[in-house]
Amino acid sequence: MRNRSFAADKAAASSARIAGLMLGAVMLSACAQTIAKSRVESALIDAGLGERNATCMAERMVDRLSISQLRKLEGLKAQNGESARPTTLDGYIDRVRRVGDAEVLAVTSSSAALCAVGLG
């Protein structure tokens, strides 16, 4: 009987550790999501988008794009003859098109459109 109790205690402790690790992973993921959203939002504002559009678009983009795809957007720079910041949302989308990732373009374009009309 004593061995069975020890085994049950050991199994319960193991289950508690697994549950704790899973909770930690969920919390870490939520924290990473918040940091990513904040960085994307700041990058969009730095690129010349308004705060309302940037906040809305960042929420959608972080949910739909991978970290590596989001990093591609950090490298958007003006080409010769362009202003440092795009002056329109279309200008920003044109720069995103140069990233060469169809999914990034689709998510950014749809996010821009939905957020611009207040549906994002």
Protein backbone atom coordinates (compact mmCIF):
# COMPACT_ATOMS: atom_id res chain seq x y z
CA MET A 1 0.00 0.00 0.00
CA ARG A 2 2.83 2.35 0.84
CA ASN A 3 4.41 1.94 -2.62
CA ARG A 4 1.12 2.74 -4.27
CA SER A 5 0.81 5.98 -2.25
CA PHE A 6 4.38 6.97 -3.15
CA ALA A 7 3.67 6.28 -6.82
CA ALA A 8 0.45 8.31 -6.66
CA ASP A 9 2.27 11.21 -4.96
CA LYS A 10 5.02 11.06 -7.58
CA ALA A 11 2.46 11.08 -10.42
CA ALA A 12 0.61 14.01 -8.84
CA ALA A 13 3.84 15.97 -8.47
CA SER A 14 4.76 15.23 -12.07
CA SER A 15 1.33 16.38 -13.25
CA ALA A 16 1.66 19.57 -11.21
CA ARG A 17 5.07 20.28 -12.79
CA ILE A 18 3.68 19.74 -16.28
CA ALA A 19 0.72 22.01 -15.55
CA GLY A 20 3.08 24.66 -14.19
CA LEU A 21 5.28 24.46 -17.27
CA MET A 22 2.26 24.74 -19.54
CA LEU A 23 0.98 27.78 -17.64
CA GLY A 24 4.44 29.34 -17.84
CA ALA A 25 4.57 28.72 -21.59
CA VAL A 26 1.16 30.35 -22.08
CA MET A 27 2.19 33.36 -20.00
CA LEU A 28 5.49 33.67 -21.89
CA SER A 29 3.66 33.48 -25.20
CA ALA A 30 1.24 36.20 -24.13
CA CYS A 31 4.15 38.38 -23.03
CA ALA A 32 5.96 37.84 -26.34
CA GLN A 33 2.73 38.68 -28.21
CA THR A 34 2.41 41.94 -26.28
CA ILE A 35 6.02 42.89 -26.96
CA ALA A 36 5.67 42.05 -30.67
CA LYS A 37 2.47 44.11 -30.93
CA SER A 38 4.14 47.07 -29.25
CA ARG A 39 7.15 46.89 -31.59
CA VAL A 40 4.99 46.54 -34.71
CA GLU A 41 2.79 49.43 -33.61
CA SER A 42 5.84 51.64 -33.01
CA ALA A 43 7.32 50.67 -36.38
CA LEU A 44 4.06 51.54 -38.14
CA ILE A 45 3.92 54.92 -36.41
CA ASP A 46 7.59 55.51 -37.28
CA ALA A 47 6.73 54.66 -40.89
CA GLY A 48 4.23 57.51 -40.91
CA LEU A 49 0.91 55.84 -40.13
CA GLY A 50 -1.48 57.43 -37.69
CA GLU A 51 -1.66 56.03 -34.17
CA ARG A 52 -5.23 54.71 -34.56
CA ASN A 53 -4.41 52.83 -37.78
CA ALA A 54 -1.09 51.61 -36.39
CA THR A 55 -2.71 50.21 -33.24
CA CYS A 56 -5.43 48.47 -35.21
CA MET A 57 -3.08 47.08 -37.87
CA ALA A 58 -0.49 45.88 -35.34
CA GLU A 59 -3.14 43.81 -33.54
CA ARG A 60 -4.14 42.03 -36.74
CA MET A 61 -0.62 41.64 -38.10
CA VAL A 62 0.84 40.11 -34.94
CA ASP A 63 -1.98 37.56 -34.91
CA ARG A 64 -1.44 36.58 -38.55
CA LEU A 65 2.28 36.88 -39.31
CA SER A 66 5.31 35.05 -37.96
CA ILE A 67 8.08 36.87 -36.12
CA SER A 68 10.37 36.48 -39.15
CA GLN A 69 7.71 38.04 -41.38
CA LEU A 70 7.25 40.91 -38.97
CA ARG A 71 11.01 41.47 -38.94
CA LYS A 72 10.95 41.90 -42.72
CA LEU A 73 8.78 44.95 -42.18
CA GLU A 74 11.36 46.52 -39.87
CA GLY A 75 13.69 46.89 -42.83
CA LEU A 76 11.41 49.03 -44.98
CA LYS A 77 13.47 51.96 -46.14
CA ALA A 78 12.83 54.73 -48.60
CA GLN A 79 14.31 54.27 -52.05
CA ASN A 80 15.92 57.06 -54.06
CA GLY A 81 13.42 59.83 -54.69
CA GLU A 82 11.01 58.73 -51.94
CA SER A 83 10.32 60.64 -48.78
CA ALA A 84 11.69 59.09 -45.59
CA ARG A 85 8.12 58.27 -44.57
CA PRO A 86 5.27 57.35 -46.88
CA THR A 87 2.70 60.11 -47.01
CA THR A 88 -0.24 57.80 -47.64
CA LEU A 89 -1.37 54.34 -46.63
CA ASP A 90 -1.00 53.32 -50.29
CA GLY A 91 2.60 54.51 -50.19
CA TYR A 92 3.24 52.29 -47.19
CA ILE A 93 1.65 49.30 -48.95
CA ASP A 94 3.90 49.96 -51.96
CA ARG A 95 6.91 49.66 -49.68
CA VAL A 96 5.54 46.47 -48.13
CA ARG A 97 5.19 45.03 -51.64
CA ARG A 98 8.99 45.32 -52.00
CA VAL A 99 9.48 42.87 -49.12
CA GLY A 100 8.62 40.11 -51.60
CA ASP A 101 6.38 38.07 -49.28
CA ALA A 102 2.84 37.59 -50.59
CA GLU A 103 1.42 36.75 -47.16
CA VAL A 104 2.96 39.86 -45.58
CA LEU A 105 1.49 41.95 -48.39
CA ALA A 106 -1.95 40.33 -48.09
CA VAL A 107 -2.12 40.69 -44.31
CA THR A 108 -0.81 44.25 -44.34
CA SER A 109 -3.16 45.30 -47.15
CA SER A 110 -6.23 43.73 -45.60
CA SER A 111 -5.33 45.12 -42.18
CA ALA A 112 -4.87 48.60 -43.64
CA ALA A 113 -8.19 48.44 -45.48
CA LEU A 114 -10.20 47.08 -42.55
CA CYS A 115 -8.64 49.45 -40.05
CA ALA A 116 -9.09 52.48 -42.33
CA VAL A 117 -12.86 51.89 -42.47
CA GLY A 118 -13.12 51.01 -38.79
CA LEU A 119 -13.72 47.27 -39.14
CA GLY A 120 -10.36 46.08 -37.80
